[in-house]
PDB file of N, CA and C in Angstrom:
ATOM      1  N   MET A   1      43.749  75.492 -15.761  1.00  0.00           N
ATOM      2  CA  MET A   1      43.824  75.719 -14.348  1.00  0.00           C
ATOM      3  C   MET A   1      42.583  75.188 -13.636  1.00  0.00           C
ATOM      4  N   SER A   2      41.439  75.398 -14.216  1.00  0.00           N
ATOM      5  CA  SER A   2      40.228  74.917 -13.558  1.00  0.00           C
ATOM      6  C   SER A   2      40.143  73.397 -13.602  1.00  0.00           C
ATOM      7  N   GLN A   3      40.777  72.770 -14.590  1.00  0.00           N
ATOM      8  CA  GLN A   3      40.796  71.315 -14.671  1.00  0.00           C
ATOM      9  C   GLN A   3      41.571  70.720 -13.486  1.00  0.00           C
ATOM     10  N   ALA A   4      42.696  71.310 -13.134  1.00  0.00           N
ATOM     11  CA  ALA A   4      43.494  70.837 -12.009  1.00  0.00           C
ATOM     12  C   ALA A   4      42.750  71.039 -10.697  1.00  0.00           C
ATOM     13  N   THR A   5      42.013  72.140 -10.582  1.00  0.00           N
ATOM     14  CA  THR A   5      41.244  72.394  -9.372  1.00  0.00           C
ATOM     15  C   THR A   5      40.110  71.397  -9.245  1.00  0.00           C
ATOM     16  N   ALA A   6      39.453  71.057 -10.333  1.00  0.00           N
ATOM     17  CA  ALA A   6      38.356  70.090 -10.304  1.00  0.00           C
ATOM     18  C   ALA A   6      38.872  68.702  -9.936  1.00  0.00           C
ATOM     19  N   ASN A   7      40.038  68.324 -10.476  1.00  0.00           N
ATOM     20  CA  ASN A   7      40.604  67.019 -10.156  1.00  0.00           C
ATOM     21  C   ASN A   7      40.990  66.919  -8.682  1.00  0.00           C
ATOM     22  N   SER A   8      41.526  67.981  -8.112  1.00  0.00           N
ATOM     23  CA  SER A   8      41.910  67.941  -6.700  1.00  0.00           C
ATOM     24  C   SER A   8      40.671  67.887  -5.806  1.00  0.00           C
ATOM     25  N   ASP A   9      39.577  68.550  -6.229  1.00  0.00           N
ATOM     26  CA  ASP A   9      38.335  68.461  -5.461  1.00  0.00           C
ATOM     27  C   ASP A   9      37.774  67.042  -5.491  1.00  0.00           C
ATOM     28  N   ILE A  10      37.854  66.385  -6.624  1.00  0.00           N
ATOM     29  CA  ILE A  10      37.366  65.010  -6.740  1.00  0.00           C
ATOM     30  C   ILE A  10      38.212  64.085  -5.879  1.00  0.00           C
ATOM     31  N   LYS A  11      39.528  64.259  -5.894  1.00  0.00           N
ATOM     32  CA  LYS A  11      40.403  63.416  -5.079  1.00  0.00           C
ATOM     33  C   LYS A  11      40.116  63.610  -3.596  1.00  0.00           C
ATOM     34  N   ARG A  12      39.899  64.859  -3.184  1.00  0.00           N
ATOM     35  CA  ARG A  12      39.588  65.116  -1.782  1.00  0.00           C
ATOM     36  C   ARG A  12      38.262  64.477  -1.387  1.00  0.00           C
ATOM     37  N   ALA A  13      37.273  64.530  -2.272  1.00  0.00           N
ATOM     38  CA  ALA A  13      35.973  63.935  -1.989  1.00  0.00           C
ATOM     39  C   ALA A  13      36.092  62.411  -1.891  1.00  0.00           C
ATOM     40  N   LEU A  14      36.913  61.817  -2.754  1.00  0.00           N
ATOM     41  CA  LEU A  14      37.089  60.372  -2.707  1.00  0.00           C
ATOM     42  C   LEU A  14      37.889  59.935  -1.495  1.00  0.00           C
ATOM     43  N   ASP A  15      38.854  60.742  -1.072  1.00  0.00           N
ATOM     44  CA  ASP A  15      39.658  60.388   0.086  1.00  0.00           C
ATOM     45  C   ASP A  15      38.840  60.400   1.380  1.00  0.00           C
ATOM     46  N   SER A  16      37.843  61.247   1.447  1.00  0.00           N
ATOM     47  CA  SER A  16      37.050  61.326   2.671  1.00  0.00           C
ATOM     48  C   SER A  16      35.794  60.465   2.617  1.00  0.00           C
ATOM     49  N   SER A  17      35.607  59.695   1.558  1.00  0.00           N
ATOM     50  CA  SER A  17      34.421  58.858   1.462  1.00  0.00           C
ATOM     51  C   SER A  17      34.557  57.641   2.369  1.00  0.00           C
ATOM     52  N   PRO A  18      33.442  57.094   2.835  1.00  0.00           N
ATOM     53  CA  PRO A  18      33.511  55.944   3.749  1.00  0.00           C
ATOM     54  C   PRO A  18      34.081  54.686   3.089  1.00  0.00           C
ATOM     55  N   GLU A  19      33.987  54.574   1.781  1.00  0.00           N
ATOM     56  CA  GLU A  19      34.494  53.385   1.103  1.00  0.00           C
ATOM     57  C   GLU A  19      36.016  53.305   1.160  1.00  0.00           C
ATOM     58  N   THR A  20      36.681  54.458   1.194  1.00  0.00           N
ATOM     59  CA  THR A  20      38.136  54.455   1.212  1.00  0.00           C
ATOM     60  C   THR A  20      38.706  54.585   2.616  1.00  0.00           C
ATOM     61  N   ASN A  21      37.866  54.701   3.625  1.00  0.00           N
ATOM     62  CA  ASN A  21      38.334  54.825   4.993  1.00  0.00           C
ATOM     63  C   ASN A  21      38.660  53.427   5.524  1.00  0.00           C
ATOM     64  N   ILE A  22      39.933  53.132   5.669  1.00  0.00           N
ATOM     65  CA  ILE A  22      40.382  51.798   6.058  1.00  0.00           C
ATOM     66  C   ILE A  22      40.294  51.609   7.568  1.00  0.00           C
ATOM     67  N   ASP A  23      40.274  52.667   8.343  1.00  0.00           N
ATOM     68  CA  ASP A  23      40.241  52.552   9.798  1.00  0.00           C
ATOM     69  C   ASP A  23      38.980  51.847  10.270  1.00  0.00           C
ATOM     70  N   ASP A  24      37.847  52.048   9.593  1.00  0.00           N
ATOM     71  CA  ASP A  24      36.601  51.404   9.999  1.00  0.00           C
ATOM     72  C   ASP A  24      36.652  49.898   9.777  1.00  0.00           C
ATOM     73  N   GLU A  25      37.409  49.441   8.804  1.00  0.00           N
ATOM     74  CA  GLU A  25      37.464  48.020   8.509  1.00  0.00           C
ATOM     75  C   GLU A  25      38.290  47.259   9.539  1.00  0.00           C
ATOM     76  N   ASN A  26      39.208  47.920  10.199  1.00  0.00           N
ATOM     77  CA  ASN A  26      40.056  47.247  11.177  1.00  0.00           C
ATOM     78  C   ASN A  26      39.347  47.009  12.498  1.00  0.00           C
ATOM     79  N   GLN A  27      38.254  47.703  12.749  1.00  0.00           N
ATOM     80  CA  GLN A  27      37.529  47.512  13.990  1.00  0.00           C
ATOM     81  C   GLN A  27      36.740  46.209  13.905  1.00  0.00           C
ATOM     82  N   GLU A  28      36.883  45.386  14.943  1.00  0.00           N
ATOM     83  CA  GLU A  28      36.177  44.122  14.978  1.00  0.00           C
ATOM     84  C   GLU A  28      34.885  44.274  15.770  1.00  0.00           C
ATOM     85  N   ALA A  29      33.879  43.506  15.374  1.00  0.00           N
ATOM     86  CA  ALA A  29      32.626  43.499  16.111  1.00  0.00           C
ATOM     87  C   ALA A  29      32.850  42.764  17.428  1.00  0.00           C
ATOM     88  N   PRO A  30      32.196  43.203  18.493  1.00  0.00           N
ATOM     89  CA  PRO A  30      32.355  42.496  19.764  1.00  0.00           C
ATOM     90  C   PRO A  30      31.821  41.070  19.631  1.00  0.00           C
ATOM     91  N   PRO A  31      32.378  40.145  20.403  1.00  0.00           N
ATOM     92  CA  PRO A  31      31.920  38.762  20.280  1.00  0.00           C
ATOM     93  C   PRO A  31      30.461  38.621  20.699  1.00  0.00           C
ATOM     94  N   MET A  32      29.789  37.716  20.041  1.00  0.00           N
ATOM     95  CA  MET A  32      28.370  37.509  20.320  1.00  0.00           C
ATOM     96  C   MET A  32      28.206  36.807  21.667  1.00  0.00           C
ATOM     97  N   PRO A  33      27.408  37.389  22.568  1.00  0.00           N
ATOM     98  CA  PRO A  33      27.175  36.718  23.843  1.00  0.00           C
ATOM     99  C   PRO A  33      26.335  35.456  23.633  1.00  0.00           C
ATOM    100  N   ARG A  34      26.426  34.548  24.581  1.00  0.00           N
ATOM    101  CA  ARG A  34      25.696  33.294  24.444  1.00  0.00           C
ATOM    102  C   ARG A  34      24.204  33.550  24.558  1.00  0.00           C
ATOM    103  N   ASN A  35      23.426  32.926  23.673  1.00  0.00           N
ATOM    104  CA  ASN A  35      21.977  33.075  23.735  1.00  0.00           C
ATOM    105  C   ASN A  35      21.296  31.779  24.160  1.00  0.00           C
ATOM    106  N   PHE A  36      22.058  30.695  24.345  1.00  0.00           N
ATOM    107  CA  PHE A  36      21.563  29.421  24.867  1.00  0.00           C
ATOM    108  C   PHE A  36      20.407  28.876  24.039  1.00  0.00           C
ATOM    109  N   LEU A  37      20.505  29.001  22.734  1.00  0.00           N
ATOM    110  CA  LEU A  37      19.431  28.546  21.851  1.00  0.00           C
ATOM    111  C   LEU A  37      19.254  27.034  21.931  1.00  0.00           C
ATOM    112  N   PHE A  38      20.354  26.278  21.942  1.00  0.00           N
ATOM    113  CA  PHE A  38      20.246  24.821  21.989  1.00  0.00           C
ATOM    114  C   PHE A  38      19.660  24.352  23.322  1.00  0.00           C
ATOM    115  N   LEU A  39      20.004  25.011  24.400  1.00  0.00           N
ATOM    116  CA  LEU A  39      19.441  24.655  25.696  1.00  0.00           C
ATOM    117  C   LEU A  39      17.940  24.919  25.723  1.00  0.00           C
ATOM    118  N   THR A  40      17.511  26.028  25.153  1.00  0.00           N
ATOM    119  CA  THR A  40      16.086  26.330  25.159  1.00  0.00           C
ATOM    120  C   THR A  40      15.321  25.402  24.223  1.00  0.00           C
ATOM    121  N   ILE A  41      15.943  24.976  23.123  1.00  0.00           N
ATOM    122  CA  ILE A  41      15.285  23.998  22.248  1.00  0.00           C
ATOM    123  C   ILE A  41      15.159  22.664  22.979  1.00  0.00           C
ATOM    124  N   PHE A  42      16.198  22.264  23.710  1.00  0.00           N
ATOM    125  CA  PHE A  42      16.134  21.039  24.511  1.00  0.00           C
ATOM    126  C   PHE A  42      15.056  21.157  25.579  1.00  0.00           C
ATOM    127  N   ALA A  43      14.927  22.330  26.184  1.00  0.00           N
ATOM    128  CA  ALA A  43      13.922  22.531  27.229  1.00  0.00           C
ATOM    129  C   ALA A  43      12.503  22.443  26.677  1.00  0.00           C
ATOM    130  N   CYS A  44      12.335  22.668  25.378  1.00  0.00           N
ATOM    131  CA  CYS A  44      11.000  22.576  24.784  1.00  0.00           C
ATOM    132  C   CYS A  44      10.467  21.143  24.771  1.00  0.00           C
ATOM    133  N   PHE A  45      11.331  20.159  24.994  1.00  0.00           N
ATOM    134  CA  PHE A  45      10.877  18.771  25.051  1.00  0.00           C
ATOM    135  C   PHE A  45      10.397  18.374  26.442  1.00  0.00           C
ATOM    136  N   CYS A  46      10.565  19.238  27.417  1.00  0.00           N
ATOM    137  CA  CYS A  46      10.090  18.965  28.768  1.00  0.00           C
ATOM    138  C   CYS A  46       8.622  19.378  28.884  1.00  0.00           C
ATOM    139  N   PRO A  47       7.849  18.666  29.731  1.00  0.00           N
ATOM    140  CA  PRO A  47       6.416  19.000  29.842  1.00  0.00           C
ATOM    141  C   PRO A  47       6.143  20.188  30.769  1.00  0.00           C
ATOM    142  N   ALA A  48       6.735  21.315  30.467  1.00  0.00           N
ATOM    143  CA  ALA A  48       6.468  22.555  31.204  1.00  0.00           C
ATOM    144  C   ALA A  48       6.253  23.648  30.162  1.00  0.00           C
ATOM    145  N   TYR A  49       5.220  23.484  29.362  1.00  0.00           N
ATOM    146  CA  TYR A  49       5.107  24.236  28.121  1.00  0.00           C
ATOM    147  C   TYR A  49       5.065  25.755  28.235  1.00  0.00           C
ATOM    148  N   PRO A  50       4.355  26.367  29.119  1.00  0.00           N
ATOM    149  CA  PRO A  50       4.425  27.838  29.090  1.00  0.00           C
ATOM    150  C   PRO A  50       5.814  28.362  29.454  1.00  0.00           C
ATOM    151  N   VAL A  51       6.504  27.649  30.331  1.00  0.00           N
ATOM    152  CA  VAL A  51       7.792  28.132  30.810  1.00  0.00           C
ATOM    153  C   VAL A  51       8.867  27.967  29.737  1.00  0.00           C
ATOM    154  N   ASN A  52       8.892  26.823  29.062  1.00  0.00           N
ATOM    155  CA  ASN A  52       9.955  26.616  28.082  1.00  0.00           C
ATOM    156  C   ASN A  52       9.748  27.453  26.824  1.00  0.00           C
ATOM    157  N   ILE A  53       8.533  27.805  26.508  1.00  0.00           N
ATOM    158  CA  ILE A  53       8.298  28.705  25.377  1.00  0.00           C
ATOM    159  C   ILE A  53       8.837  30.104  25.701  1.00  0.00           C
ATOM    160  N   VAL A  54       8.703  30.523  26.952  1.00  0.00           N
ATOM    161  CA  VAL A  54       9.246  31.821  27.378  1.00  0.00           C
ATOM    162  C   VAL A  54      10.770  31.814  27.263  1.00  0.00           C
ATOM    163  N   ALA A  55      11.397  30.702  27.636  1.00  0.00           N
ATOM    164  CA  ALA A  55      12.859  30.597  27.510  1.00  0.00           C
ATOM    165  C   ALA A  55      13.275  30.689  26.048  1.00  0.00           C
ATOM    166  N   PHE A  56      12.535  30.043  25.175  1.00  0.00           N
ATOM    167  CA  PHE A  56      12.847  30.088  23.749  1.00  0.00           C
ATOM    168  C   PHE A  56      12.697  31.507  23.197  1.00  0.00           C
ATOM    169  N   VAL A  57      11.668  32.213  23.639  1.00  0.00           N
ATOM    170  CA  VAL A  57      11.454  33.596  23.193  1.00  0.00           C
ATOM    171  C   VAL A  57      12.585  34.499  23.690  1.00  0.00           C
ATOM    172  N   PHE A  58      13.027  34.320  24.935  1.00  0.00           N
ATOM    173  CA  PHE A  58      14.162  35.098  25.443  1.00  0.00           C
ATOM    174  C   PHE A  58      15.415  34.854  24.607  1.00  0.00           C
ATOM    175  N   SER A  59      15.631  33.610  24.208  1.00  0.00           N
ATOM    176  CA  SER A  59      16.806  33.280  23.414  1.00  0.00           C
ATOM    177  C   SER A  59      16.752  33.955  22.046  1.00  0.00           C
ATOM    178  N   ILE A  60      15.605  33.941  21.412  1.00  0.00           N
ATOM    179  CA  ILE A  60      15.448  34.591  20.104  1.00  0.00           C
ATOM    180  C   ILE A  60      15.579  36.111  20.250  1.00  0.00           C
ATOM    181  N   MET A  61      15.047  36.661  21.337  1.00  0.00           N
ATOM    182  CA  MET A  61      15.182  38.100  21.571  1.00  0.00           C
ATOM    183  C   MET A  61      16.640  38.482  21.803  1.00  0.00           C
ATOM    184  N   SER A  62      17.410  37.599  22.442  1.00  0.00           N
ATOM    185  CA  SER A  62      18.835  37.849  22.640  1.00  0.00           C
ATOM    186  C   SER A  62      19.564  37.916  21.303  1.00  0.00           C
ATOM    187  N   LEU A  63      19.250  36.994  20.420  1.00  0.00           N
ATOM    188  CA  LEU A  63      19.861  37.005  19.092  1.00  0.00           C
ATOM    189  C   LEU A  63      19.473  38.260  18.320  1.00  0.00           C
ATOM    190  N   SER A  64      18.229  38.669  18.437  1.00  0.00           N
ATOM    191  CA  SER A  64      17.756  39.874  17.756  1.00  0.00           C
ATOM    192  C   SER A  64      18.428  41.132  18.320  1.00  0.00           C
ATOM    193  N   SER A  65      18.611  41.189  19.634  1.00  0.00           N
ATOM    194  CA  SER A  65      19.275  42.348  20.243  1.00  0.00           C
ATOM    195  C   SER A  65      20.716  42.462  19.779  1.00  0.00           C
ATOM    196  N   TYR A  66      21.396  41.329  19.663  1.00  0.00           N
ATOM    197  CA  TYR A  66      22.778  41.361  19.175  1.00  0.00           C
ATOM    198  C   TYR A  66      22.825  41.860  17.728  1.00  0.00           C
ATOM    199  N   ASN A  67      21.890  41.412  16.914  1.00  0.00           N
ATOM    200  CA  ASN A  67      21.863  41.851  15.509  1.00  0.00           C
ATOM    201  C   ASN A  67      21.570  43.336  15.381  1.00  0.00           C
ATOM    202  N   GLN A  68      20.879  43.904  16.362  1.00  0.00           N
ATOM    203  CA  GLN A  68      20.596  45.338  16.344  1.00  0.00           C
ATOM    204  C   GLN A  68      21.718  46.153  16.978  1.00  0.00           C
ATOM    205  N   GLY A  69      22.710  45.489  17.547  1.00  0.00           N
ATOM    206  CA  GLY A  69      23.854  46.196  18.116  1.00  0.00           C
ATOM    207  C   GLY A  69      23.802  46.393  19.613  1.00  0.00           C
ATOM    208  N   ASP A  70      22.779  45.874  20.283  1.00  0.00           N
ATOM    209  CA  ASP A  70      22.644  46.026  21.732  1.00  0.00           C
ATOM    210  C   ASP A  70      23.311  44.830  22.410  1.00  0.00           C
ATOM    211  N   ILE A  71      24.615  44.938  22.665  1.00  0.00           N
ATOM    212  CA  ILE A  71      25.382  43.820  23.207  1.00  0.00           C
ATOM    213  C   ILE A  71      24.977  43.535  24.648  1.00  0.00           C
ATOM    214  N   GLU A  72      24.825  44.564  25.453  1.00  0.00           N
ATOM    215  CA  GLU A  72      24.463  44.364  26.861  1.00  0.00           C
ATOM    216  C   GLU A  72      23.059  43.784  26.996  1.00  0.00           C
ATOM    217  N   GLY A  73      22.138  44.246  26.173  1.00  0.00           N
ATOM    218  CA  GLY A  73      20.783  43.682  26.187  1.00  0.00           C
ATOM    219  C   GLY A  73      20.776  42.229  25.749  1.00  0.00           C
ATOM    220  N   ALA A  74      21.603  41.890  24.775  1.00  0.00           N
ATOM    221  CA  ALA A  74      21.694  40.500  24.324  1.00  0.00           C
ATOM    222  C   ALA A  74      22.260  39.615  25.424  1.00  0.00           C
ATOM    223  N   ARG A  75      23.238  40.117  26.163  1.00  0.00           N
ATOM    224  CA  ARG A  75      23.814  39.349  27.267  1.00  0.00           C
ATOM    225  C   ARG A  75      22.778  39.132  28.367  1.00  0.00           C
ATOM    226  N   ARG A  76      22.021  40.173  28.682  1.00  0.00           N
ATOM    227  CA  ARG A  76      21.001  40.068  29.729  1.00  0.00           C
ATOM    228  C   ARG A  76      19.901  39.095  29.332  1.00  0.00           C
ATOM    229  N   LEU A  77      19.427  39.193  28.091  1.00  0.00           N
ATOM    230  CA  LEU A  77      18.380  38.292  27.634  1.00  0.00           C
ATOM    231  C   LEU A  77      18.884  36.853  27.525  1.00  0.00           C
ATOM    232  N   GLY A  78      20.151  36.668  27.177  1.00  0.00           N
ATOM    233  CA  GLY A  78      20.721  35.330  27.134  1.00  0.00           C
ATOM    234  C   GLY A  78      20.765  34.683  28.511  1.00  0.00           C
ATOM    235  N   LYS A  79      21.137  35.463  29.522  1.00  0.00           N
ATOM    236  CA  LYS A  79      21.143  34.924  30.885  1.00  0.00           C
ATOM    237  C   LYS A  79      19.731  34.590  31.343  1.00  0.00           C
ATOM    238  N   ASN A  80      18.773  35.451  31.000  1.00  0.00           N
ATOM    239  CA  ASN A  80      17.378  35.157  31.347  1.00  0.00           C
ATOM    240  C   ASN A  80      16.917  33.869  30.660  1.00  0.00           C
ATOM    241  N   ALA A  81      17.297  33.692  29.393  1.00  0.00           N
ATOM    242  CA  ALA A  81      16.922  32.474  28.668  1.00  0.00           C
ATOM    243  C   ALA A  81      17.518  31.243  29.343  1.00  0.00           C
ATOM    244  N   MET A  82      18.768  31.353  29.794  1.00  0.00           N
ATOM    245  CA  MET A  82      19.395  30.217  30.455  1.00  0.00           C
ATOM    246  C   MET A  82      18.668  29.852  31.741  1.00  0.00           C
ATOM    247  N   TRP A  83      18.378  30.842  32.577  1.00  0.00           N
ATOM    248  CA  TRP A  83      17.734  30.543  33.854  1.00  0.00           C
ATOM    249  C   TRP A  83      16.314  30.020  33.673  1.00  0.00           C
ATOM    250  N   VAL A  84      15.586  30.566  32.730  1.00  0.00           N
ATOM    251  CA  VAL A  84      14.218  30.084  32.502  1.00  0.00           C
ATOM    252  C   VAL A  84      14.254  28.678  31.898  1.00  0.00           C
ATOM    253  N   ALA A  85      15.232  28.386  31.044  1.00  0.00           N
ATOM    254  CA  ALA A  85      15.356  27.042  30.479  1.00  0.00           C
ATOM    255  C   ALA A  85      15.711  26.033  31.563  1.00  0.00           C
ATOM    256  N   ILE A  86      16.595  26.398  32.481  1.00  0.00           N
ATOM    257  CA  ILE A  86      16.930  25.501  33.587  1.00  0.00           C
ATOM    258  C   ILE A  86      15.707  25.269  34.466  1.00  0.00           C
ATOM    259  N   ALA A  87      14.956  26.319  34.741  1.00  0.00           N
ATOM    260  CA  ALA A  87      13.723  26.163  35.528  1.00  0.00           C
ATOM    261  C   ALA A  87      12.733  25.267  34.797  1.00  0.00           C
ATOM    262  N   SER A  88      12.643  25.408  33.489  1.00  0.00           N
ATOM    263  CA  SER A  88      11.739  24.581  32.701  1.00  0.00           C
ATOM    264  C   SER A  88      12.138  23.111  32.759  1.00  0.00           C
ATOM    265  N   ILE A  89      13.432  22.836  32.681  1.00  0.00           N
ATOM    266  CA  ILE A  89      13.903  21.455  32.750  1.00  0.00           C
ATOM    267  C   ILE A  89      13.624  20.863  34.128  1.00  0.00           C
ATOM    268  N   ILE A  90      13.846  21.641  35.176  1.00  0.00           N
ATOM    269  CA  ILE A  90      13.575  21.154  36.541  1.00  0.00           C
ATOM    270  C   ILE A  90      12.080  20.901  36.725  1.00  0.00           C
ATOM    271  N   ILE A  91      11.245  21.824  36.276  1.00  0.00           N
ATOM    272  CA  ILE A  91       9.795  21.638  36.388  1.00  0.00           C
ATOM    273  C   ILE A  91       9.351  20.419  35.583  1.00  0.00           C
ATOM    274  N   GLY A  92       9.912  20.252  34.396  1.00  0.00           N
ATOM    275  CA  GLY A  92       9.570  19.093  33.578  1.00  0.00           C
ATOM    276  C   GLY A  92       9.961  17.788  34.243  1.00  0.00           C
ATOM    277  N   LEU A  93      11.147  17.741  34.856  1.00  0.00           N
ATOM    278  CA  LEU A  93      11.563  16.522  35.559  1.00  0.00           C
ATOM    279  C   LEU A  93      10.673  16.252  36.767  1.00  0.00           C
ATOM    280  N   LEU A  94      10.248  17.301  37.465  1.00  0.00           N
ATOM    281  CA  LEU A  94       9.323  17.120  38.584  1.00  0.00           C
ATOM    282  C   LEU A  94       7.977  16.582  38.110  1.00  0.00           C
ATOM    283  N   VAL A  95       7.469  17.091  37.005  1.00  0.00           N
ATOM    284  CA  VAL A  95       6.196  16.610  36.465  1.00  0.00           C
ATOM    285  C   VAL A  95       6.307  15.149  36.069  1.00  0.00           C
ATOM    286  N   ILE A  96       7.397  14.786  35.415  1.00  0.00           N
ATOM    287  CA  ILE A  96       7.595  13.390  35.021  1.00  0.00           C
ATOM    288  C   ILE A  96       7.721  12.500  36.260  1.00  0.00           C
ATOM    289  N   GLY A  97       8.455  12.952  37.269  1.00  0.00           N
ATOM    290  CA  GLY A  97       8.602  12.181  38.503  1.00  0.00           C
ATOM    291  C   GLY A  97       7.290  11.987  39.228  1.00  0.00           C
ATOM    292  N   ILE A  98       6.503  13.040  39.335  1.00  0.00           N
ATOM    293  CA  ILE A  98       5.203  12.941  40.013  1.00  0.00           C
ATOM    294  C   ILE A  98       4.270  12.030  39.222  1.00  0.00           C
ATOM    295  N   TYR A  99       4.268  12.151  37.917  1.00  0.00           N
ATOM    296  CA  TYR A  99       3.422  11.291  37.089  1.00  0.00           C
ATOM    297  C   TYR A  99       3.810   9.823  37.266  1.00  0.00           C
ATOM    298  N   CYS A 100       5.101   9.513  37.256  1.00  0.00           N
ATOM    299  CA  CYS A 100       5.552   8.131  37.436  1.00  0.00           C
ATOM    300  C   CYS A 100       5.219   7.621  38.834  1.00  0.00           C
ATOM    301  N   ALA A 101       5.400   8.462  39.853  1.00  0.00           N
ATOM    302  CA  ALA A 101       5.084   8.047  41.218  1.00  0.00           C
ATOM    303  C   ALA A 101       3.602   7.739  41.372  1.00  0.00           C
ATOM    304  N   VAL A 102       2.764   8.578  40.830  1.00  0.00           N
ATOM    305  CA  VAL A 102       1.322   8.344  40.926  1.00  0.00           C
ATOM    306  C   VAL A 102       0.925   7.121  40.090  1.00  0.00           C
ATOM    307  N   HIS A 103       1.475   6.975  38.929  1.00  0.00           N
ATOM    308  CA  HIS A 103       1.103   5.874  38.039  1.00  0.00           C
ATOM    309  C   HIS A 103       1.500   4.528  38.619  1.00  0.00           C
ATOM    310  N   PHE A 104       2.694   4.435  39.189  1.00  0.00           N
ATOM    311  CA  PHE A 104       3.174   3.139  39.658  1.00  0.00           C
ATOM    312  C   PHE A 104       2.771   2.810  41.095  1.00  0.00           C
ATOM    313  N   THR A 105       2.225   3.760  41.833  1.00  0.00           N
ATOM    314  CA  THR A 105       1.814   3.480  43.211  1.00  0.00           C
ATOM    315  C   THR A 105       0.317   3.297  43.370  1.00  0.00           C
ATOM    316  N   THR A 106      -0.443   3.593  42.361  1.00  0.00           N
ATOM    317  CA  THR A 106      -1.886   3.386  42.478  1.00  0.00           C
ATOM    318  C   THR A 106      -2.199   1.916  42.285  1.00  0.00           C
ATOM    319  N   VAL A 107      -3.156   1.445  43.030  1.00  0.00           N
ATOM    320  CA  VAL A 107      -3.567   0.045  42.973  1.00  0.00           C
ATOM    321  C   VAL A 107      -4.640  -0.067  41.912  1.00  0.00           C
ATOM    322  N   ARG A 108      -4.439  -0.998  41.012  1.00  0.00           N
ATOM    323  CA  ARG A 108      -5.442  -1.213  39.973  1.00  0.00           C
ATOM    324  C   ARG A 108      -6.270  -2.440  40.342  1.00  0.00           C
ATOM    325  N   THR A 109      -7.533  -2.333  40.196  1.00  0.00           N
ATOM    326  CA  THR A 109      -8.396  -3.486  40.442  1.00  0.00           C
ATOM    327  C   THR A 109      -8.780  -4.112  39.117  1.00  0.00           C
ATOM    328  N   PRO A 110      -8.629  -5.431  39.037  1.00  0.00           N
ATOM    329  CA  PRO A 110      -8.954  -6.072  37.757  1.00  0.00           C
ATOM    330  C   PRO A 110     -10.410  -6.186  37.471  1.00  0.00           C
TER     331      PRO A 110
END
């Protein structure tokens, strides 16, 4: 009699264990929000170095937030990375334009 009671206790313990709970496996992880990593890497080639490094850090922080389960924080940091990367690209193009304008308009004396 005690053998049957022990077996039923073991079965109940196994049925309630997380390994046998199939409902948890059917839940899908939310989709990863965009972190704009490629855009921030591209922005690192522009001559606006403090700004594009900040964009790259925001992008990495977005990826880290998603890995920790903070979906809303990852989305917010991804948007910040995008806007800072766009600002970095614009600043870089302005620096290149100003440099070219100054270089080609100055008169050189031989």
